[in-house]
Amino acid sequence: MTDSIVKQIQQRQQAVRAQIEALEAASRQLASALATLAGPGRPPARRGRPPRQRKPARKRRMSAAGRAAIAAAARKRWAKVRRAKAGQRAAKPAKKRKMSAAGRAAIVAAVKARWAKVRAAKAAQGK
């Protein structure tokens, strides 16, 4: 009894394998047919919904009044920039501080004393 069941299962298995091989062969045949239809260098056929057709873009035209309004706004902006620059130019730069004659004389005297000290040290070292 178990032998007959095993034989039936084996027969069924062989039948399924034969069907699978037949389906694979049919699949290969269809794939090659599609490849020949597509031809070399062509992309494969698109799947899904076709792309939406777009209307050609119309050239936009501006009315003379619109152009005039934009030009007036630009002139107004540039006038504002020029006014701001003119205000900056009018401001006087900060005055430079000047040194008094007495201050300058004090600095000169200190530099001379320093160099005299350096020379004296060199002379004492050289003896």
N, C-alpha and C. Protein backbone atom coordinates (compact mmCIF):
# COMPACT_ATOMS: atom_id res chain seq x y z
N MET A 1 0.82 -1.19 0.00
CA MET A 1 0.00 0.00 0.00
C MET A 1 0.87 1.26 0.00
N THR A 2 1.88 1.29 0.87
CA THR A 2 2.74 2.47 0.91
C THR A 2 3.54 2.60 -0.37
N ASP A 3 3.86 1.47 -1.01
CA ASP A 3 4.59 1.52 -2.27
C ASP A 3 3.78 2.21 -3.36
N SER A 4 2.50 1.94 -3.40
CA SER A 4 1.65 2.56 -4.43
C SER A 4 1.52 4.06 -4.18
N ILE A 5 1.45 4.46 -2.92
CA ILE A 5 1.35 5.89 -2.59
C ILE A 5 2.65 6.59 -2.99
N VAL A 6 3.79 5.98 -2.68
CA VAL A 6 5.08 6.56 -3.03
C VAL A 6 5.20 6.69 -4.54
N LYS A 7 4.75 5.67 -5.29
CA LYS A 7 4.80 5.71 -6.75
C LYS A 7 3.92 6.83 -7.30
N GLN A 8 2.74 7.00 -6.70
CA GLN A 8 1.83 8.06 -7.16
C GLN A 8 2.47 9.45 -6.93
N ILE A 9 3.10 9.60 -5.77
CA ILE A 9 3.74 10.89 -5.45
C ILE A 9 4.88 11.14 -6.42
N GLN A 10 5.68 10.12 -6.72
CA GLN A 10 6.79 10.28 -7.65
C GLN A 10 6.30 10.63 -9.05
N GLN A 11 5.21 9.96 -9.49
CA GLN A 11 4.64 10.25 -10.81
C GLN A 11 4.14 11.70 -10.86
N ARG A 12 3.49 12.11 -9.80
CA ARG A 12 2.97 13.49 -9.73
C ARG A 12 4.13 14.49 -9.76
N GLN A 13 5.22 14.17 -9.04
CA GLN A 13 6.39 15.03 -9.00
C GLN A 13 7.00 15.17 -10.39
N GLN A 14 7.09 14.05 -11.14
CA GLN A 14 7.63 14.09 -12.50
C GLN A 14 6.73 14.93 -13.41
N ALA A 15 5.43 14.79 -13.23
CA ALA A 15 4.48 15.56 -14.06
C ALA A 15 4.63 17.06 -13.78
N VAL A 16 4.80 17.42 -12.53
CA VAL A 16 4.95 18.84 -12.16
C VAL A 16 6.26 19.38 -12.72
N ARG A 17 7.35 18.59 -12.64
CA ARG A 17 8.64 19.02 -13.19
C ARG A 17 8.52 19.24 -14.69
N ALA A 18 7.83 18.36 -15.37
CA ALA A 18 7.64 18.50 -16.83
C ALA A 18 6.88 19.77 -17.13
N GLN A 19 5.84 20.06 -16.35
CA GLN A 19 5.08 21.30 -16.56
C GLN A 19 5.96 22.52 -16.32
N ILE A 20 6.78 22.47 -15.27
CA ILE A 20 7.67 23.60 -14.97
C ILE A 20 8.64 23.82 -16.12
N GLU A 21 9.23 22.77 -16.64
CA GLU A 21 10.16 22.90 -17.77
C GLU A 21 9.46 23.48 -18.99
N ALA A 22 8.23 23.04 -19.23
CA ALA A 22 7.47 23.55 -20.38
C ALA A 22 7.19 25.05 -20.20
N LEU A 23 6.83 25.46 -18.99
CA LEU A 23 6.55 26.88 -18.73
C LEU A 23 7.82 27.72 -18.86
N GLU A 24 8.95 27.20 -18.36
CA GLU A 24 10.20 27.93 -18.49
C GLU A 24 10.60 28.10 -19.95
N ALA A 25 10.40 27.06 -20.74
CA ALA A 25 10.71 27.14 -22.17
C ALA A 25 9.83 28.18 -22.84
N ALA A 26 8.54 28.20 -22.50
CA ALA A 26 7.63 29.18 -23.07
C ALA A 26 8.04 30.59 -22.64
N SER A 27 8.48 30.75 -21.39
CA SER A 27 8.91 32.05 -20.89
C SER A 27 10.14 32.54 -21.65
N ARG A 28 11.11 31.64 -21.88
CA ARG A 28 12.30 32.01 -22.64
C ARG A 28 11.94 32.43 -24.06
N GLN A 29 11.01 31.68 -24.65
CA GLN A 29 10.59 31.98 -26.02
C GLN A 29 9.93 33.36 -26.09
N LEU A 30 9.09 33.67 -25.11
CA LEU A 30 8.43 34.99 -25.08
C LEU A 30 9.45 36.10 -24.86
N ALA A 31 10.43 35.86 -24.00
CA ALA A 31 11.44 36.87 -23.72
C ALA A 31 12.26 37.17 -24.97
N SER A 32 12.60 36.13 -25.72
CA SER A 32 13.37 36.37 -26.94
C SER A 32 12.53 37.09 -27.98
N ALA A 33 11.24 36.77 -28.05
CA ALA A 33 10.36 37.45 -28.99
C ALA A 33 10.25 38.94 -28.64
N LEU A 34 10.14 39.23 -27.36
CA LEU A 34 10.08 40.64 -26.93
C LEU A 34 11.38 41.35 -27.25
N ALA A 35 12.50 40.67 -27.07
CA ALA A 35 13.80 41.30 -27.34
C ALA A 35 13.92 41.63 -28.83
N THR A 36 13.44 40.75 -29.69
CA THR A 36 13.52 41.03 -31.13
C THR A 36 12.58 42.16 -31.52
N LEU A 37 11.42 42.22 -30.87
CA LEU A 37 10.49 43.31 -31.18
C LEU A 37 11.05 44.65 -30.72
N ALA A 38 11.66 44.67 -29.54
CA ALA A 38 12.20 45.92 -29.01
C ALA A 38 13.38 46.38 -29.87
N GLY A 39 14.16 45.47 -30.38
CA GLY A 39 15.28 45.83 -31.24
C GLY A 39 16.46 46.33 -30.43
N PRO A 40 17.63 46.39 -31.07
CA PRO A 40 18.81 46.84 -30.34
C PRO A 40 18.76 48.34 -30.09
N GLY A 41 19.21 48.75 -28.92
CA GLY A 41 19.29 50.17 -28.60
C GLY A 41 17.98 50.79 -28.14
N ARG A 42 16.92 50.07 -28.22
CA ARG A 42 15.65 50.62 -27.75
C ARG A 42 15.42 50.22 -26.30
N PRO A 43 14.88 51.10 -25.52
CA PRO A 43 14.58 50.71 -24.13
C PRO A 43 13.40 49.75 -24.12
N PRO A 44 13.28 48.94 -23.08
CA PRO A 44 12.14 48.03 -23.01
C PRO A 44 10.85 48.81 -22.92
N ALA A 45 9.77 48.15 -23.30
CA ALA A 45 8.46 48.82 -23.32
C ALA A 45 8.12 49.32 -21.93
N ARG A 46 7.50 50.49 -21.89
CA ARG A 46 7.13 51.12 -20.63
C ARG A 46 5.95 50.39 -20.02
N ARG A 47 6.00 50.21 -18.69
CA ARG A 47 4.89 49.54 -18.02
C ARG A 47 4.09 50.57 -17.25
N GLY A 48 2.84 50.29 -17.04
CA GLY A 48 2.01 51.18 -16.24
C GLY A 48 1.33 52.24 -17.07
N ARG A 49 0.88 53.27 -16.39
CA ARG A 49 0.11 54.34 -17.03
C ARG A 49 1.01 55.12 -17.98
N PRO A 50 0.50 55.49 -19.15
CA PRO A 50 1.33 56.27 -20.08
C PRO A 50 1.59 57.67 -19.53
N PRO A 51 2.69 58.30 -19.92
CA PRO A 51 2.99 59.64 -19.40
C PRO A 51 1.94 60.65 -19.87
N ARG A 52 1.73 61.64 -19.02
CA ARG A 52 0.72 62.66 -19.31
C ARG A 52 1.21 63.55 -20.44
N GLN A 53 0.35 63.85 -21.37
CA GLN A 53 0.71 64.73 -22.48
C GLN A 53 0.65 66.18 -22.00
N ARG A 54 1.73 66.90 -22.19
CA ARG A 54 1.76 68.31 -21.78
C ARG A 54 1.47 69.21 -22.96
N LYS A 55 0.78 70.27 -22.68
CA LYS A 55 0.52 71.25 -23.72
C LYS A 55 1.79 72.07 -23.94
N PRO A 56 2.06 72.50 -25.14
CA PRO A 56 3.24 73.34 -25.35
C PRO A 56 3.10 74.64 -24.56
N ALA A 57 4.19 75.05 -23.93
CA ALA A 57 4.16 76.24 -23.09
C ALA A 57 3.93 77.48 -23.96
N ARG A 58 2.98 78.29 -23.53
CA ARG A 58 2.73 79.54 -24.25
C ARG A 58 3.74 80.57 -23.83
N LYS A 59 4.10 81.44 -24.74
CA LYS A 59 5.03 82.50 -24.41
C LYS A 59 4.27 83.57 -23.61
N ARG A 60 4.82 83.92 -22.48
CA ARG A 60 4.14 84.91 -21.64
C ARG A 60 4.52 86.30 -22.09
N ARG A 61 3.56 87.14 -22.18
CA ARG A 61 3.83 88.53 -22.58
C ARG A 61 3.34 89.45 -21.47
N MET A 62 4.11 90.50 -21.23
CA MET A 62 3.76 91.44 -20.17
C MET A 62 3.17 92.69 -20.81
N SER A 63 2.18 93.21 -20.16
CA SER A 63 1.57 94.42 -20.68
C SER A 63 2.50 95.61 -20.47
N ALA A 64 2.28 96.66 -21.22
CA ALA A 64 3.10 97.87 -21.08
C ALA A 64 2.93 98.46 -19.68
N ALA A 65 1.73 98.38 -19.16
CA ALA A 65 1.48 98.93 -17.81
C ALA A 65 2.26 98.14 -16.76
N GLY A 66 2.30 96.82 -16.93
CA GLY A 66 3.06 95.98 -15.99
C GLY A 66 4.54 96.30 -16.02
N ARG A 67 5.08 96.46 -17.24
CA ARG A 67 6.50 96.82 -17.37
C ARG A 67 6.78 98.17 -16.74
N ALA A 68 5.87 99.12 -16.95
CA ALA A 68 6.06 100.46 -16.40
C ALA A 68 6.05 100.41 -14.86
N ALA A 69 5.17 99.57 -14.30
CA ALA A 69 5.09 99.47 -12.84
C ALA A 69 6.38 98.88 -12.28
N ILE A 70 6.90 97.86 -12.94
CA ILE A 70 8.15 97.24 -12.47
C ILE A 70 9.31 98.23 -12.58
N ALA A 71 9.37 98.98 -13.69
CA ALA A 71 10.46 99.96 -13.87
C ALA A 71 10.38 101.06 -12.82
N ALA A 72 9.16 101.50 -12.52
CA ALA A 72 8.99 102.55 -11.51
C ALA A 72 9.45 102.05 -10.14
N ALA A 73 9.11 100.80 -9.82
CA ALA A 73 9.52 100.25 -8.52
C ALA A 73 11.04 100.13 -8.45
N ALA A 74 11.68 99.73 -9.56
CA ALA A 74 13.15 99.63 -9.57
C ALA A 74 13.79 101.00 -9.40
N ARG A 75 13.25 102.01 -10.08
CA ARG A 75 13.80 103.36 -9.93
C ARG A 75 13.67 103.83 -8.48
N LYS A 76 12.54 103.51 -7.87
CA LYS A 76 12.31 103.91 -6.49
C LYS A 76 13.32 103.24 -5.55
N ARG A 77 13.58 101.93 -5.77
CA ARG A 77 14.56 101.22 -4.94
C ARG A 77 15.95 101.81 -5.08
N TRP A 78 16.36 102.09 -6.34
CA TRP A 78 17.70 102.65 -6.57
C TRP A 78 17.82 104.05 -5.99
N ALA A 79 16.77 104.84 -6.05
CA ALA A 79 16.80 106.18 -5.47
C ALA A 79 17.04 106.09 -3.96
N LYS A 80 16.40 105.11 -3.33
CA LYS A 80 16.57 104.92 -1.90
C LYS A 80 18.02 104.54 -1.57
N VAL A 81 18.61 103.68 -2.38
CA VAL A 81 20.01 103.28 -2.17
C VAL A 81 20.93 104.48 -2.33
N ARG A 82 20.68 105.29 -3.36
CA ARG A 82 21.54 106.46 -3.61
C ARG A 82 21.43 107.48 -2.48
N ARG A 83 20.20 107.66 -1.96
CA ARG A 83 20.02 108.59 -0.82
C ARG A 83 20.81 108.10 0.39
N ALA A 84 20.79 106.81 0.64
CA ALA A 84 21.52 106.26 1.79
C ALA A 84 23.02 106.48 1.62
N LYS A 85 23.53 106.28 0.40
CA LYS A 85 24.96 106.49 0.15
C LYS A 85 25.33 107.96 0.30
N ALA A 86 24.47 108.87 -0.16
CA ALA A 86 24.74 110.30 -0.07
C ALA A 86 24.81 110.73 1.39
N GLY A 87 23.97 110.16 2.23
CA GLY A 87 23.98 110.47 3.66
C GLY A 87 25.27 110.01 4.31
N GLN A 88 25.81 108.90 3.83
CA GLN A 88 27.06 108.40 4.40
C GLN A 88 28.23 109.29 4.00
N ARG A 89 28.23 109.78 2.76
CA ARG A 89 29.32 110.62 2.29
C ARG A 89 29.36 111.96 3.03
N ALA A 90 28.20 112.48 3.40
CA ALA A 90 28.11 113.79 4.04
C ALA A 90 28.77 113.78 5.42
N ALA A 91 28.76 112.63 6.10
CA ALA A 91 29.36 112.56 7.43
C ALA A 91 30.88 112.72 7.31
N LYS A 92 31.43 113.61 8.14
CA LYS A 92 32.87 113.88 8.08
C LYS A 92 33.61 112.77 8.83
N PRO A 93 34.77 112.41 8.33
CA PRO A 93 35.55 111.40 9.05
C PRO A 93 36.05 111.98 10.37
N ALA A 94 36.31 111.13 11.34
CA ALA A 94 36.78 111.57 12.66
C ALA A 94 38.15 112.24 12.50
N LYS A 95 38.35 113.32 13.25
CA LYS A 95 39.62 114.06 13.16
C LYS A 95 40.74 113.20 13.73
N LYS A 96 41.91 113.32 13.09
CA LYS A 96 43.07 112.63 13.63
C LYS A 96 43.58 113.42 14.82
N ARG A 97 44.06 112.68 15.81
CA ARG A 97 44.60 113.38 16.97
C ARG A 97 46.01 113.85 16.65
N LYS A 98 46.29 115.06 17.05
CA LYS A 98 47.63 115.62 16.78
C LYS A 98 48.44 115.62 18.06
N MET A 99 49.74 115.41 17.87
CA MET A 99 50.64 115.40 19.03
C MET A 99 51.15 116.82 19.27
N SER A 100 51.19 117.18 20.52
CA SER A 100 51.70 118.53 20.84
C SER A 100 53.23 118.54 20.67
N ALA A 101 53.77 119.71 20.51
CA ALA A 101 55.23 119.85 20.34
C ALA A 101 55.96 119.38 21.59
N ALA A 102 55.40 119.65 22.76
CA ALA A 102 56.04 119.24 24.02
C ALA A 102 56.05 117.72 24.13
N GLY A 103 54.94 117.05 23.72
CA GLY A 103 54.86 115.59 23.76
C GLY A 103 55.89 114.95 22.84
N ARG A 104 56.00 115.54 21.64
CA ARG A 104 56.98 115.01 20.66
C ARG A 104 58.39 115.18 21.20
N ALA A 105 58.68 116.32 21.80
CA ALA A 105 60.02 116.59 22.35
C ALA A 105 60.35 115.60 23.47
N ALA A 106 59.35 115.26 24.28
CA ALA A 106 59.57 114.32 25.38
C ALA A 106 59.92 112.94 24.83
N ILE A 107 59.23 112.51 23.77
CA ILE A 107 59.49 111.20 23.17
C ILE A 107 60.90 111.18 22.57
N VAL A 108 61.28 112.25 21.85
CA VAL A 108 62.62 112.32 21.24
C VAL A 108 63.69 112.25 22.30
N ALA A 109 63.50 112.98 23.43
CA ALA A 109 64.48 112.97 24.51
C ALA A 109 64.62 111.57 25.10
N ALA A 110 63.50 110.84 25.26
CA ALA A 110 63.53 109.50 25.84
C ALA A 110 64.26 108.54 24.90
N VAL A 111 64.03 108.65 23.58
CA VAL A 111 64.70 107.77 22.61
C VAL A 111 66.20 108.05 22.62
N LYS A 112 66.58 109.33 22.66
CA LYS A 112 68.01 109.67 22.67
C LYS A 112 68.68 109.13 23.92
N ALA A 113 68.02 109.26 25.06
CA ALA A 113 68.58 108.76 26.33
C ALA A 113 68.75 107.24 26.26
N ARG A 114 67.76 106.54 25.69
CA ARG A 114 67.82 105.08 25.59
C ARG A 114 69.01 104.65 24.74
N TRP A 115 69.19 105.30 23.58
CA TRP A 115 70.30 104.93 22.70
C TRP A 115 71.65 105.29 23.32
N ALA A 116 71.70 106.38 24.06
CA ALA A 116 72.95 106.75 24.75
C ALA A 116 73.32 105.67 25.76
N LYS A 117 72.30 105.14 26.44
CA LYS A 117 72.52 104.09 27.43
C LYS A 117 73.03 102.81 26.75
N VAL A 118 72.47 102.47 25.56
CA VAL A 118 72.89 101.28 24.81
C VAL A 118 74.34 101.45 24.37
N ARG A 119 74.69 102.63 23.87
CA ARG A 119 76.06 102.87 23.41
C ARG A 119 77.06 102.79 24.56
N ALA A 120 76.66 103.33 25.72
CA ALA A 120 77.53 103.30 26.91
C ALA A 120 77.78 101.88 27.33
N ALA A 121 76.74 101.04 27.29
CA ALA A 121 76.90 99.62 27.67
C ALA A 121 77.83 98.91 26.72
N LYS A 122 77.74 99.21 25.41
CA LYS A 122 78.62 98.59 24.41
C LYS A 122 80.06 99.02 24.63
N ALA A 123 80.24 100.31 24.94
CA ALA A 123 81.61 100.85 25.14
C ALA A 123 82.23 100.20 26.38
N ALA A 124 81.44 100.01 27.45
CA ALA A 124 81.97 99.41 28.68
C ALA A 124 82.31 97.95 28.44
N GLN A 125 81.57 97.30 27.58
CA GLN A 125 81.79 95.88 27.29
C GLN A 125 83.05 95.72 26.43
N GLY A 126 83.29 96.65 25.53
CA GLY A 126 84.41 96.57 24.61
C GLY A 126 85.76 96.81 25.29
N LYS A 127 85.84 97.46 26.44
CA LYS A 127 87.11 97.77 27.12
C LYS A 127 87.71 96.62 27.83
